[in-house]
Amino acid sequence: MKKLLLSLSIISFAWSTDYVFSQNTPESGVIYCESFGVSRPLRELAEENPANLKQIDRQHKKEKIKESKDRKTRKPQEFKFSVEQDGIAYGNDPSLMQSQMGSRPGPSQKVNVAGQAVNSFRPMDPSGAIGPNYYVQMINSTTIRVYNSTTGATVGNAVTLGTLWNPDLSSNDGDPIVMYDRFADRWFLAQFGVSGNKIHIAVSTTNDPMGSYYTYTYTSPQFPDYLKFSIWQDGYYMTSNQSSQKVFAFERTAMLAGSANARSVFASYNPPDGGGFFCPLPGDADGNGLTGHQQRLQQQSLLFLQCQLLLLMDRTTLLGMISLNREQLKNLMVSVGF
């Protein structure tokens, strides 16, 4: 069997080097797709099984799901350092702060889309992406809606993401992610499954977001809360809040081809953790390709071949639990070999 590798290296940019990640012996592994399918076209499923947002509202009201149940007793965030007690080094430099509006006018608005909304719960965690002709949005619980990107008009009915699976997913738990993979001209949809630590991913079979999808289900070693995805040349990368932080790379080429054997590999790493939601974001490829200068750099180095995980930390970051003398930008370089 061909050996799968996921490697990480760390670059610390020069605002400061007084805090360094402690890299323990990394945990790594391979996750195989446990459920694969090819859906019927989304337009047919949406016609037969439209999402009933009013029903979703009623269900959440019945369950009494509310945002921030502890709001009345929640303590405000506290910082270890302050300008008043520790000096201007722990504040904002007035010379670097913008005090006037910019003089160059911004571009005119092309289209204003009234996205999906519900009244019974928060947060809705909206996620969306735009392609050449469509804008696709998802919100928690987990409904998909497609819009014409020129007119803003809805295309077909809203439908829950789980409808793409056969049989339907028993629940649509949320934290939705929508991406448009411009390099393959495909759509990428994802959400987690609370029961069993599931990662559900759907990749369109064509550039039509209302068409059919390849559906994949994976099981994470730990619950993949607040999952975040990115598009890179060697994989779809994912980070999430887990008990031990991991970066995942999903086999993009195989998923685009509709392979039931598409794999994911993961490796652990040890970023600073102040508790709560702290999830380094994977770098996402965008634009229309490399410039000539970047192509020359690429020939000399693997810099542009490796995905990057970015962390920006200020002096009082992470709920005041880590003390820094200066701001820091941490850049983890990640590559995978399927």
C-alpha atoms as a PDB file:
ATOM      1  CA  MET A   1       0.000   0.000   0.000  1.00  0.00           C
ATOM      2  CA  LYS A   2       1.228   3.450  -0.834  1.00  0.00           C
ATOM      3  CA  LYS A   3       2.223   5.275   2.337  1.00  0.00           C
ATOM      4  CA  LEU A   4       0.226   8.390   3.158  1.00  0.00           C
ATOM      5  CA  LEU A   5       2.031  11.318   4.712  1.00  0.00           C
ATOM      6  CA  LEU A   6       0.855  14.609   6.168  1.00  0.00           C
ATOM      7  CA  SER A   7       3.725  16.841   7.243  1.00  0.00           C
ATOM      8  CA  LEU A   8       3.741  20.102   9.190  1.00  0.00           C
ATOM      9  CA  SER A   9       6.404  22.712   9.675  1.00  0.00           C
ATOM     10  CA  ILE A  10       6.208  26.046  11.502  1.00  0.00           C
ATOM     11  CA  ILE A  11       7.242  29.512  10.407  1.00  0.00           C
ATOM     12  CA  SER A  12       7.145  32.301  12.988  1.00  0.00           C
ATOM     13  CA  PHE A  13       7.004  35.746  11.409  1.00  0.00           C
ATOM     14  CA  ALA A  14       9.190  38.411  12.870  1.00  0.00           C
ATOM     15  CA  TRP A  15       6.935  40.449  15.112  1.00  0.00           C
ATOM     16  CA  SER A  16       8.189  38.220  17.879  1.00  0.00           C
ATOM     17  CA  THR A  17       9.854  34.903  18.578  1.00  0.00           C
ATOM     18  CA  ASP A  18       9.320  34.819  22.331  1.00  0.00           C
ATOM     19  CA  TYR A  19       6.559  32.214  22.143  1.00  0.00           C
ATOM     20  CA  VAL A  20       7.083  28.930  20.309  1.00  0.00           C
ATOM     21  CA  PHE A  21       4.700  26.035  19.770  1.00  0.00           C
ATOM     22  CA  SER A  22       5.622  22.950  21.736  1.00  0.00           C
ATOM     23  CA  GLN A  23       5.368  20.220  19.134  1.00  0.00           C
ATOM     24  CA  ASN A  24       4.796  16.843  20.758  1.00  0.00           C
ATOM     25  CA  THR A  25       5.109  13.511  18.985  1.00  0.00           C
ATOM     26  CA  PRO A  26       2.306  13.898  16.445  1.00  0.00           C
ATOM     27  CA  GLU A  27      -0.697  11.629  16.266  1.00  0.00           C
ATOM     28  CA  SER A  28      -1.615  10.738  12.700  1.00  0.00           C
ATOM     29  CA  GLY A  29      -3.964   8.413  10.893  1.00  0.00           C
ATOM     30  CA  VAL A  30      -5.989   7.587   7.812  1.00  0.00           C
ATOM     31  CA  ILE A  31      -9.785   7.805   7.632  1.00  0.00           C
ATOM     32  CA  TYR A  32     -11.621   5.922   4.925  1.00  0.00           C
ATOM     33  CA  CYS A  33     -14.962   6.930   3.466  1.00  0.00           C
ATOM     34  CA  GLU A  34     -17.538   4.757   5.205  1.00  0.00           C
ATOM     35  CA  SER A  35     -20.527   5.770   3.116  1.00  0.00           C
ATOM     36  CA  PHE A  36     -20.482   6.893  -0.528  1.00  0.00           C
ATOM     37  CA  GLY A  37     -23.293   7.655  -2.919  1.00  0.00           C
ATOM     38  CA  VAL A  38     -24.359   9.612  -5.970  1.00  0.00           C
ATOM     39  CA  SER A  39     -27.437  11.715  -5.359  1.00  0.00           C
ATOM     40  CA  ARG A  40     -30.269  12.505  -7.656  1.00  0.00           C
ATOM     41  CA  PRO A  41     -30.237  16.076  -9.006  1.00  0.00           C
ATOM     42  CA  LEU A  42     -30.775  18.629  -6.260  1.00  0.00           C
ATOM     43  CA  ARG A  43     -33.539  20.328  -8.259  1.00  0.00           C
ATOM     44  CA  GLU A  44     -35.574  17.107  -8.209  1.00  0.00           C
ATOM     45  CA  LEU A  45     -34.986  16.511  -4.501  1.00  0.00           C
ATOM     46  CA  ALA A  46     -35.858  20.126  -3.687  1.00  0.00           C
ATOM     47  CA  GLU A  47     -39.079  19.843  -5.682  1.00  0.00           C
ATOM     48  CA  GLU A  48     -40.111  16.646  -3.898  1.00  0.00           C
ATOM     49  CA  ASN A  49     -38.781  17.465  -0.408  1.00  0.00           C
ATOM     50  CA  PRO A  50     -38.620  21.257   0.029  1.00  0.00           C
ATOM     51  CA  ALA A  51     -37.269  22.445   3.362  1.00  0.00           C
ATOM     52  CA  ASN A  52     -40.030  23.817   5.536  1.00  0.00           C
ATOM     53  CA  LEU A  53     -38.411  26.678   7.435  1.00  0.00           C
ATOM     54  CA  LYS A  54     -41.611  27.323   9.393  1.00  0.00           C
ATOM     55  CA  GLN A  55     -41.605  23.726  10.556  1.00  0.00           C
ATOM     56  CA  ILE A  56     -37.930  24.006  11.515  1.00  0.00           C
ATOM     57  CA  ASP A  57     -38.801  27.150  13.481  1.00  0.00           C
ATOM     58  CA  ARG A  58     -41.624  25.347  15.296  1.00  0.00           C
ATOM     59  CA  GLN A  59     -39.388  22.390  16.123  1.00  0.00           C
ATOM     60  CA  HIS A  60     -36.698  24.579  17.623  1.00  0.00           C
ATOM     61  CA  LYS A  61     -39.256  26.531  19.636  1.00  0.00           C
ATOM     62  CA  LYS A  62     -40.585  23.233  20.983  1.00  0.00           C
ATOM     63  CA  GLU A  63     -37.058  22.221  21.994  1.00  0.00           C
ATOM     64  CA  LYS A  64     -36.539  25.668  23.533  1.00  0.00           C
ATOM     65  CA  ILE A  65     -33.168  26.087  21.872  1.00  0.00           C
ATOM     66  CA  LYS A  66     -31.831  29.531  22.668  1.00  0.00           C
ATOM     67  CA  GLU A  67     -28.553  31.322  22.218  1.00  0.00           C
ATOM     68  CA  SER A  68     -26.381  32.065  25.258  1.00  0.00           C
ATOM     69  CA  LYS A  69     -28.489  30.548  28.030  1.00  0.00           C
ATOM     70  CA  ASP A  70     -25.966  31.828  30.573  1.00  0.00           C
ATOM     71  CA  ARG A  71     -26.055  35.441  29.376  1.00  0.00           C
ATOM     72  CA  LYS A  72     -27.340  36.816  32.708  1.00  0.00           C
ATOM     73  CA  THR A  73     -24.593  35.147  34.742  1.00  0.00           C
ATOM     74  CA  ARG A  74     -21.770  35.116  32.184  1.00  0.00           C
ATOM     75  CA  LYS A  75     -18.622  36.915  33.287  1.00  0.00           C
ATOM     76  CA  PRO A  76     -17.135  39.451  30.871  1.00  0.00           C
ATOM     77  CA  GLN A  77     -13.859  38.648  29.173  1.00  0.00           C
ATOM     78  CA  GLU A  78     -10.826  39.611  31.233  1.00  0.00           C
ATOM     79  CA  PHE A  79      -7.376  40.479  29.905  1.00  0.00           C
ATOM     80  CA  LYS A  80      -4.186  39.883  31.826  1.00  0.00           C
ATOM     81  CA  PHE A  81      -2.618  43.147  30.660  1.00  0.00           C
ATOM     82  CA  SER A  82      -4.046  46.612  30.084  1.00  0.00           C
ATOM     83  CA  VAL A  83      -2.871  50.025  28.889  1.00  0.00           C
ATOM     84  CA  GLU A  84      -3.796  51.586  32.228  1.00  0.00           C
ATOM     85  CA  GLN A  85      -1.724  49.206  34.344  1.00  0.00           C
ATOM     86  CA  ASP A  86       1.006  48.013  31.974  1.00  0.00           C
ATOM     87  CA  GLY A  87       1.597  50.837  29.508  1.00  0.00           C
ATOM     88  CA  ILE A  88       1.038  51.628  25.854  1.00  0.00           C
ATOM     89  CA  ALA A  89       2.855  48.449  24.784  1.00  0.00           C
ATOM     90  CA  TYR A  90      -0.416  46.660  25.565  1.00  0.00           C
ATOM     91  CA  GLY A  91      -2.636  49.045  23.632  1.00  0.00           C
ATOM     92  CA  ASN A  92      -3.119  50.289  20.089  1.00  0.00           C
ATOM     93  CA  ASP A  93      -0.546  52.539  18.478  1.00  0.00           C
ATOM     94  CA  PRO A  94      -2.457  55.713  17.480  1.00  0.00           C
ATOM     95  CA  SER A  95      -0.062  56.327  14.591  1.00  0.00           C
ATOM     96  CA  LEU A  96      -1.178  53.046  12.988  1.00  0.00           C
ATOM     97  CA  MET A  97      -4.908  53.578  13.425  1.00  0.00           C
ATOM     98  CA  GLN A  98      -7.028  54.867  10.546  1.00  0.00           C
ATOM     99  CA  SER A  99      -8.820  58.059  11.560  1.00  0.00           C
ATOM    100  CA  GLN A 100     -10.346  59.106   8.218  1.00  0.00           C
ATOM    101  CA  MET A 101     -12.426  57.369   5.588  1.00  0.00           C
ATOM    102  CA  GLY A 102     -10.629  56.372   2.405  1.00  0.00           C
ATOM    103  CA  SER A 103     -10.867  58.732  -0.559  1.00  0.00           C
ATOM    104  CA  ARG A 104     -11.217  56.107  -3.291  1.00  0.00           C
ATOM    105  CA  PRO A 105     -14.862  55.060  -3.806  1.00  0.00           C
ATOM    106  CA  GLY A 106     -15.705  51.403  -3.498  1.00  0.00           C
ATOM    107  CA  PRO A 107     -17.292  49.375  -6.301  1.00  0.00           C
ATOM    108  CA  SER A 108     -21.010  49.674  -6.798  1.00  0.00           C
ATOM    109  CA  GLN A 109     -23.258  46.954  -5.468  1.00  0.00           C
ATOM    110  CA  LYS A 110     -24.046  44.378  -8.153  1.00  0.00           C
ATOM    111  CA  VAL A 111     -26.746  42.365  -6.419  1.00  0.00           C
ATOM    112  CA  ASN A 112     -28.289  42.224  -2.948  1.00  0.00           C
ATOM    113  CA  VAL A 113     -29.429  38.730  -1.948  1.00  0.00           C
ATOM    114  CA  ALA A 114     -31.881  38.293   0.940  1.00  0.00           C
ATOM    115  CA  GLY A 115     -30.510  35.055   2.332  1.00  0.00           C
ATOM    116  CA  GLN A 116     -32.218  32.416   4.435  1.00  0.00           C
ATOM    117  CA  ALA A 117     -33.319  33.205   7.978  1.00  0.00           C
ATOM    118  CA  VAL A 118     -35.140  31.595  10.880  1.00  0.00           C
ATOM    119  CA  ASN A 119     -36.483  33.136  14.066  1.00  0.00           C
ATOM    120  CA  SER A 120     -36.322  30.360  16.641  1.00  0.00           C
ATOM    121  CA  PHE A 121     -32.599  29.901  17.148  1.00  0.00           C
ATOM    122  CA  ARG A 122     -29.201  31.527  16.924  1.00  0.00           C
ATOM    123  CA  PRO A 123     -26.593  31.417  15.583  1.00  0.00           C
ATOM    124  CA  MET A 124     -27.601  30.659  12.012  1.00  0.00           C
ATOM    125  CA  ASP A 125     -23.930  30.259  11.015  1.00  0.00           C
ATOM    126  CA  PRO A 126     -24.470  31.290   7.382  1.00  0.00           C
ATOM    127  CA  SER A 127     -21.932  30.088   4.839  1.00  0.00           C
ATOM    128  CA  GLY A 128     -21.965  30.847   1.133  1.00  0.00           C
ATOM    129  CA  ALA A 129     -19.906  30.885  -2.036  1.00  0.00           C
ATOM    130  CA  ILE A 130     -20.284  32.402  -5.471  1.00  0.00           C
ATOM    131  CA  GLY A 131     -19.479  30.849  -8.838  1.00  0.00           C
ATOM    132  CA  PRO A 132     -19.819  32.138 -12.407  1.00  0.00           C
ATOM    133  CA  ASN A 133     -23.630  31.960 -12.399  1.00  0.00           C
ATOM    134  CA  TYR A 134     -24.846  31.048  -8.931  1.00  0.00           C
ATOM    135  CA  TYR A 135     -24.567  31.917  -5.267  1.00  0.00           C
ATOM    136  CA  VAL A 136     -25.119  28.996  -2.868  1.00  0.00           C
ATOM    137  CA  GLN A 137     -25.918  29.540   0.818  1.00  0.00           C
ATOM    138  CA  MET A 138     -26.436  27.224   3.770  1.00  0.00           C
ATOM    139  CA  ILE A 139     -27.495  27.949   7.343  1.00  0.00           C
ATOM    140  CA  ASN A 140     -27.797  25.773  10.418  1.00  0.00           C
ATOM    141  CA  SER A 141     -30.316  22.939  10.453  1.00  0.00           C
ATOM    142  CA  THR A 142     -28.966  22.644   7.556  1.00  0.00           C
ATOM    143  CA  THR A 143     -30.768  24.159   4.572  1.00  0.00           C
ATOM    144  CA  ILE A 144     -29.319  24.878   1.119  1.00  0.00           C
ATOM    145  CA  ARG A 145     -30.576  27.653  -1.119  1.00  0.00           C
ATOM    146  CA  VAL A 146     -29.314  28.482  -4.624  1.00  0.00           C
ATOM    147  CA  TYR A 147     -29.551  31.985  -6.085  1.00  0.00           C
ATOM    148  CA  ASN A 148     -28.928  33.465  -9.516  1.00  0.00           C
ATOM    149  CA  SER A 149     -25.774  35.538  -8.973  1.00  0.00           C
ATOM    150  CA  THR A 150     -26.837  38.178 -11.523  1.00  0.00           C
ATOM    151  CA  THR A 151     -30.422  38.808 -10.453  1.00  0.00           C
ATOM    152  CA  GLY A 152     -30.455  37.443  -6.893  1.00  0.00           C
ATOM    153  CA  ALA A 153     -33.542  35.374  -7.733  1.00  0.00           C
ATOM    154  CA  THR A 154     -33.912  32.015  -5.971  1.00  0.00           C
ATOM    155  CA  VAL A 155     -33.407  28.887  -8.068  1.00  0.00           C
ATOM    156  CA  GLY A 156     -35.747  26.093  -7.018  1.00  0.00           C
ATOM    157  CA  ASN A 157     -36.712  25.367  -3.419  1.00  0.00           C
ATOM    158  CA  ALA A 158     -34.585  25.281  -0.302  1.00  0.00           C
ATOM    159  CA  VAL A 159     -33.692  21.761   0.819  1.00  0.00           C
ATOM    160  CA  THR A 160     -31.826  20.221   3.748  1.00  0.00           C
ATOM    161  CA  LEU A 161     -28.290  19.000   3.044  1.00  0.00           C
ATOM    162  CA  GLY A 162     -29.055  15.524   4.392  1.00  0.00           C
ATOM    163  CA  THR A 163     -31.556  14.988   1.564  1.00  0.00           C
ATOM    164  CA  LEU A 164     -28.612  14.387  -0.782  1.00  0.00           C
ATOM    165  CA  TRP A 165     -27.750  11.178   1.075  1.00  0.00           C
ATOM    166  CA  ASN A 166     -29.615   7.927   0.437  1.00  0.00           C
ATOM    167  CA  PRO A 167     -31.083   7.161   2.863  1.00  0.00           C
ATOM    168  CA  ASP A 168     -31.478  10.710   4.145  1.00  0.00           C
ATOM    169  CA  LEU A 169     -29.263  11.698   7.044  1.00  0.00           C
ATOM    170  CA  SER A 170     -31.209  11.239  10.269  1.00  0.00           C
ATOM    171  CA  SER A 171     -30.252  14.736  11.391  1.00  0.00           C
ATOM    172  CA  ASN A 172     -28.875  17.977   9.981  1.00  0.00           C
ATOM    173  CA  ASP A 173     -26.722  19.170  12.840  1.00  0.00           C
ATOM    174  CA  GLY A 174     -25.156  22.231  11.286  1.00  0.00           C
ATOM    175  CA  ASP A 175     -21.941  24.229  11.158  1.00  0.00           C
ATOM    176  CA  PRO A 176     -22.407  24.284   7.363  1.00  0.00           C
ATOM    177  CA  ILE A 177     -19.634  25.052   4.898  1.00  0.00           C
ATOM    178  CA  VAL A 178     -20.090  26.047   1.235  1.00  0.00           C
ATOM    179  CA  MET A 179     -17.134  26.407  -1.143  1.00  0.00           C
ATOM    180  CA  TYR A 180     -16.866  26.889  -4.886  1.00  0.00           C
ATOM    181  CA  ASP A 181     -13.805  25.063  -6.206  1.00  0.00           C
ATOM    182  CA  ARG A 182     -12.990  27.332  -9.117  1.00  0.00           C
ATOM    183  CA  PHE A 183     -10.069  25.186 -10.234  1.00  0.00           C
ATOM    184  CA  ALA A 184     -12.384  22.215 -10.827  1.00  0.00           C
ATOM    185  CA  ASP A 185     -15.583  24.241 -11.430  1.00  0.00           C
ATOM    186  CA  ARG A 186     -17.395  22.260  -8.732  1.00  0.00           C
ATOM    187  CA  TRP A 187     -19.361  22.917  -5.524  1.00  0.00           C
ATOM    188  CA  PHE A 188     -18.399  21.639  -2.071  1.00  0.00           C
ATOM    189  CA  LEU A 189     -20.922  21.348   0.790  1.00  0.00           C
ATOM    190  CA  ALA A 190     -20.267  20.038   4.302  1.00  0.00           C
ATOM    191  CA  GLN A 191     -21.650  19.744   7.823  1.00  0.00           C
ATOM    192  CA  PHE A 192     -20.876  17.694  10.919  1.00  0.00           C
ATOM    193  CA  GLY A 193     -22.947  14.946  12.526  1.00  0.00           C
ATOM    194  CA  VAL A 194     -23.043  15.098  16.323  1.00  0.00           C
ATOM    195  CA  SER A 195     -23.819  11.421  16.806  1.00  0.00           C
ATOM    196  CA  GLY A 196     -20.696   9.417  16.023  1.00  0.00           C
ATOM    197  CA  ASN A 197     -18.381  12.386  15.246  1.00  0.00           C
ATOM    198  CA  LYS A 198     -19.358  12.399  11.572  1.00  0.00           C
ATOM    199  CA  ILE A 199     -18.074  14.611   8.756  1.00  0.00           C
ATOM    200  CA  HIS A 200     -20.549  14.786   5.857  1.00  0.00           C
ATOM    201  CA  ILE A 201     -19.255  16.147   2.525  1.00  0.00           C
ATOM    202  CA  ALA A 202     -21.031  16.550  -0.815  1.00  0.00           C
ATOM    203  CA  VAL A 203     -19.131  17.427  -4.025  1.00  0.00           C
ATOM    204  CA  SER A 204     -21.113  18.326  -7.138  1.00  0.00           C
ATOM    205  CA  THR A 205     -20.656  16.032 -10.117  1.00  0.00           C
ATOM    206  CA  THR A 206     -20.745  19.024 -12.510  1.00  0.00           C
ATOM    207  CA  ASN A 207     -20.642  22.820 -12.269  1.00  0.00           C
ATOM    208  CA  ASP A 208     -24.426  22.871 -11.759  1.00  0.00           C
ATOM    209  CA  PRO A 209     -25.238  23.373  -8.038  1.00  0.00           C
ATOM    210  CA  MET A 210     -28.767  22.088  -8.707  1.00  0.00           C
ATOM    211  CA  GLY A 211     -27.417  18.882 -10.240  1.00  0.00           C
ATOM    212  CA  SER A 212     -26.288  15.639  -8.611  1.00  0.00           C
ATOM    213  CA  TYR A 213     -23.613  15.243  -5.926  1.00  0.00           C
ATOM    214  CA  TYR A 214     -21.087  12.685  -4.768  1.00  0.00           C
ATOM    215  CA  THR A 215     -21.762  12.179  -1.052  1.00  0.00           C
ATOM    216  CA  TYR A 216     -19.110  11.101   1.454  1.00  0.00           C
ATOM    217  CA  THR A 217     -19.298  10.327   5.166  1.00  0.00           C
ATOM    218  CA  TYR A 218     -16.241  10.047   7.419  1.00  0.00           C
ATOM    219  CA  THR A 219     -15.810   9.480  11.147  1.00  0.00           C
ATOM    220  CA  SER A 220     -13.440  11.831  12.966  1.00  0.00           C
ATOM    221  CA  PRO A 221     -11.373  10.513  15.918  1.00  0.00           C
ATOM    222  CA  GLN A 222     -13.006  13.257  18.005  1.00  0.00           C
ATOM    223  CA  PHE A 223     -15.992  15.540  17.561  1.00  0.00           C
ATOM    224  CA  PRO A 224     -15.142  18.010  14.727  1.00  0.00           C
ATOM    225  CA  ASP A 225     -16.749  21.113  16.209  1.00  0.00           C
ATOM    226  CA  TYR A 226     -16.619  24.437  14.343  1.00  0.00           C
ATOM    227  CA  LEU A 227     -15.082  22.730  11.304  1.00  0.00           C
ATOM    228  CA  LYS A 228     -13.442  24.923   8.662  1.00  0.00           C
ATOM    229  CA  PHE A 229     -12.448  23.821   5.138  1.00  0.00           C
ATOM    230  CA  SER A 230     -10.204  25.168   2.397  1.00  0.00           C
ATOM    231  CA  ILE A 231      -9.326  24.323  -1.198  1.00  0.00           C
ATOM    232  CA  TRP A 232      -5.732  23.493  -2.065  1.00  0.00           C
ATOM    233  CA  GLN A 233      -4.019  21.768  -4.967  1.00  0.00           C
ATOM    234  CA  ASP A 234      -3.342  18.520  -3.099  1.00  0.00           C
ATOM    235  CA  GLY A 235      -6.487  18.242  -0.980  1.00  0.00           C
ATOM    236  CA  TYR A 236      -9.452  19.745   0.770  1.00  0.00           C
ATOM    237  CA  TYR A 237      -7.995  20.778   4.140  1.00  0.00           C
ATOM    238  CA  MET A 238      -9.980  20.919   7.367  1.00  0.00           C
ATOM    239  CA  THR A 239      -9.381  22.172  10.895  1.00  0.00           C
ATOM    240  CA  SER A 240     -11.811  22.066  13.803  1.00  0.00           C
ATOM    241  CA  ASN A 241     -12.014  22.373  17.563  1.00  0.00           C
ATOM    242  CA  GLN A 242     -11.130  18.964  18.966  1.00  0.00           C
ATOM    243  CA  SER A 243      -9.777  17.753  22.293  1.00  0.00           C
ATOM    244  CA  SER A 244      -6.387  17.448  20.589  1.00  0.00           C
ATOM    245  CA  GLN A 245      -5.956  19.756  17.598  1.00  0.00           C
ATOM    246  CA  LYS A 246      -5.650  18.065  14.212  1.00  0.00           C
ATOM    247  CA  VAL A 247      -5.390  19.112  10.596  1.00  0.00           C
ATOM    248  CA  PHE A 248      -7.123  16.913   8.035  1.00  0.00           C
ATOM    249  CA  ALA A 249      -6.526  16.611   4.290  1.00  0.00           C
ATOM    250  CA  PHE A 250      -9.227  14.985   2.174  1.00  0.00           C
ATOM    251  CA  GLU A 251      -8.295  13.362  -1.126  1.00  0.00           C
ATOM    252  CA  ARG A 252      -9.578  16.062  -3.450  1.00  0.00           C
ATOM    253  CA  THR A 253      -8.727  14.372  -6.766  1.00  0.00           C
ATOM    254  CA  ALA A 254     -10.535  11.173  -5.788  1.00  0.00           C
ATOM    255  CA  MET A 255     -13.553  13.070  -4.434  1.00  0.00           C
ATOM    256  CA  LEU A 256     -13.892  15.073  -7.653  1.00  0.00           C
ATOM    257  CA  ALA A 257     -13.762  11.807  -9.613  1.00  0.00           C
ATOM    258  CA  GLY A 258     -16.485  10.251  -7.473  1.00  0.00           C
ATOM    259  CA  SER A 259     -14.320   7.537  -5.937  1.00  0.00           C
ATOM    260  CA  ALA A 260     -15.871   5.571  -3.088  1.00  0.00           C
ATOM    261  CA  ASN A 261     -12.317   5.020  -1.808  1.00  0.00           C
ATOM    262  CA  ALA A 262     -11.489   8.713  -1.273  1.00  0.00           C
ATOM    263  CA  ARG A 263      -9.451   8.986   1.916  1.00  0.00           C
ATOM    264  CA  SER A 264      -8.595  11.562   4.520  1.00  0.00           C
ATOM    265  CA  VAL A 265      -5.374  11.767   6.497  1.00  0.00           C
ATOM    266  CA  PHE A 266      -4.822  13.740   9.680  1.00  0.00           C
ATOM    267  CA  ALA A 267      -1.943  14.810  11.888  1.00  0.00           C
ATOM    268  CA  SER A 268      -2.029  16.433  15.297  1.00  0.00           C
ATOM    269  CA  TYR A 269      -0.309  19.702  16.137  1.00  0.00           C
ATOM    270  CA  ASN A 270      -0.147  21.835  19.233  1.00  0.00           C
ATOM    271  CA  PRO A 271      -1.171  25.476  18.759  1.00  0.00           C
ATOM    272  CA  PRO A 272      -1.728  27.631  21.848  1.00  0.00           C
ATOM    273  CA  ASP A 273      -5.143  26.970  23.320  1.00  0.00           C
ATOM    274  CA  GLY A 274      -6.933  29.496  25.477  1.00  0.00           C
ATOM    275  CA  GLY A 275     -10.102  27.463  25.668  1.00  0.00           C
ATOM    276  CA  GLY A 276     -13.386  27.957  23.884  1.00  0.00           C
ATOM    277  CA  PHE A 277     -13.412  28.342  20.116  1.00  0.00           C
ATOM    278  CA  PHE A 278      -9.875  28.620  18.854  1.00  0.00           C
ATOM    279  CA  CYS A 279      -9.405  27.072  15.446  1.00  0.00           C
ATOM    280  CA  PRO A 280      -6.458  28.008  13.189  1.00  0.00           C
ATOM    281  CA  LEU A 281      -7.773  28.485   9.660  1.00  0.00           C
ATOM    282  CA  PRO A 282      -6.423  26.538   6.671  1.00  0.00           C
ATOM    283  CA  GLY A 283      -5.269  28.656   3.745  1.00  0.00           C
ATOM    284  CA  ASP A 284      -7.685  28.736   0.808  1.00  0.00           C
ATOM    285  CA  ALA A 285      -6.505  28.960  -2.808  1.00  0.00           C
ATOM    286  CA  ASP A 286      -8.123  31.791  -4.733  1.00  0.00           C
ATOM    287  CA  GLY A 287      -7.476  33.885  -7.806  1.00  0.00           C
ATOM    288  CA  ASN A 288      -6.827  32.846 -11.384  1.00  0.00           C
ATOM    289  CA  GLY A 289      -3.417  31.224 -11.005  1.00  0.00           C
ATOM    290  CA  LEU A 290       0.141  32.142 -10.074  1.00  0.00           C
ATOM    291  CA  THR A 291       1.859  35.261 -11.356  1.00  0.00           C
ATOM    292  CA  GLY A 292       5.116  34.943 -13.248  1.00  0.00           C
ATOM    293  CA  HIS A 293       7.078  35.916 -10.145  1.00  0.00           C
ATOM    294  CA  GLN A 294       5.244  33.322  -8.073  1.00  0.00           C
ATOM    295  CA  GLN A 295       5.903  30.667 -10.685  1.00  0.00           C
ATOM    296  CA  ARG A 296       9.634  31.404 -10.488  1.00  0.00           C
ATOM    297  CA  LEU A 297       9.496  31.156  -6.698  1.00  0.00           C
ATOM    298  CA  GLN A 298       7.596  27.910  -6.997  1.00  0.00           C
ATOM    299  CA  GLN A 299      10.422  26.407  -9.048  1.00  0.00           C
ATOM    300  CA  GLN A 300      12.865  27.224  -6.256  1.00  0.00           C
ATOM    301  CA  SER A 301      10.771  26.158  -3.284  1.00  0.00           C
ATOM    302  CA  LEU A 302       7.707  24.247  -2.128  1.00  0.00           C
ATOM    303  CA  LEU A 303       6.253  27.393  -0.573  1.00  0.00           C
ATOM    304  CA  PHE A 304       3.331  27.665  -2.969  1.00  0.00           C
ATOM    305  CA  LEU A 305       2.749  23.900  -3.000  1.00  0.00           C
ATOM    306  CA  GLN A 306       2.057  23.713   0.724  1.00  0.00           C
ATOM    307  CA  CYS A 307      -1.178  24.681   2.395  1.00  0.00           C
ATOM    308  CA  GLN A 308      -0.814  27.136   5.256  1.00  0.00           C
ATOM    309  CA  LEU A 309      -2.516  27.312   8.646  1.00  0.00           C
ATOM    310  CA  LEU A 310      -2.553  30.877   9.955  1.00  0.00           C
ATOM    311  CA  LEU A 311      -2.710  32.126  13.540  1.00  0.00           C
ATOM    312  CA  LEU A 312      -2.649  35.814  14.470  1.00  0.00           C
ATOM    313  CA  MET A 313      -2.112  36.439  18.197  1.00  0.00           C
ATOM    314  CA  ASP A 314      -2.040  39.800  19.921  1.00  0.00           C
ATOM    315  CA  ARG A 315      -0.579  40.646  23.327  1.00  0.00           C
ATOM    316  CA  THR A 316      -3.736  39.762  25.232  1.00  0.00           C
ATOM    317  CA  THR A 317      -5.031  36.996  23.017  1.00  0.00           C
ATOM    318  CA  LEU A 318      -6.744  33.783  24.018  1.00  0.00           C
ATOM    319  CA  LEU A 319      -8.787  35.156  26.920  1.00  0.00           C
ATOM    320  CA  GLY A 320      -5.661  36.595  28.481  1.00  0.00           C
ATOM    321  CA  MET A 321      -4.192  33.157  29.161  1.00  0.00           C
ATOM    322  CA  ILE A 322      -1.007  33.631  27.126  1.00  0.00           C
ATOM    323  CA  SER A 323       1.261  36.617  27.684  1.00  0.00           C
ATOM    324  CA  LEU A 324       3.167  37.961  24.696  1.00  0.00           C
ATOM    325  CA  ASN A 325       5.537  40.873  24.443  1.00  0.00           C
ATOM    326  CA  ARG A 326       4.549  41.566  20.848  1.00  0.00           C
ATOM    327  CA  GLU A 327       2.003  40.531  18.242  1.00  0.00           C
ATOM    328  CA  GLN A 328       2.760  37.283  16.462  1.00  0.00           C
ATOM    329  CA  LEU A 329       1.759  35.656  13.196  1.00  0.00           C
ATOM    330  CA  LYS A 330       2.272  31.926  13.158  1.00  0.00           C
ATOM    331  CA  ASN A 331       2.308  30.154   9.830  1.00  0.00           C
ATOM    332  CA  LEU A 332       2.194  26.349   9.700  1.00  0.00           C
ATOM    333  CA  MET A 333       3.080  24.806   6.362  1.00  0.00           C
ATOM    334  CA  VAL A 334       1.211  21.582   5.571  1.00  0.00           C
ATOM    335  CA  SER A 335       1.646  19.133   2.710  1.00  0.00           C
ATOM    336  CA  VAL A 336       0.163  15.746   1.967  1.00  0.00           C
ATOM    337  CA  GLY A 337       1.240  12.794  -0.159  1.00  0.00           C
ATOM    338  CA  PHE A 338      -1.595  10.488  -1.200  1.00  0.00           C
END
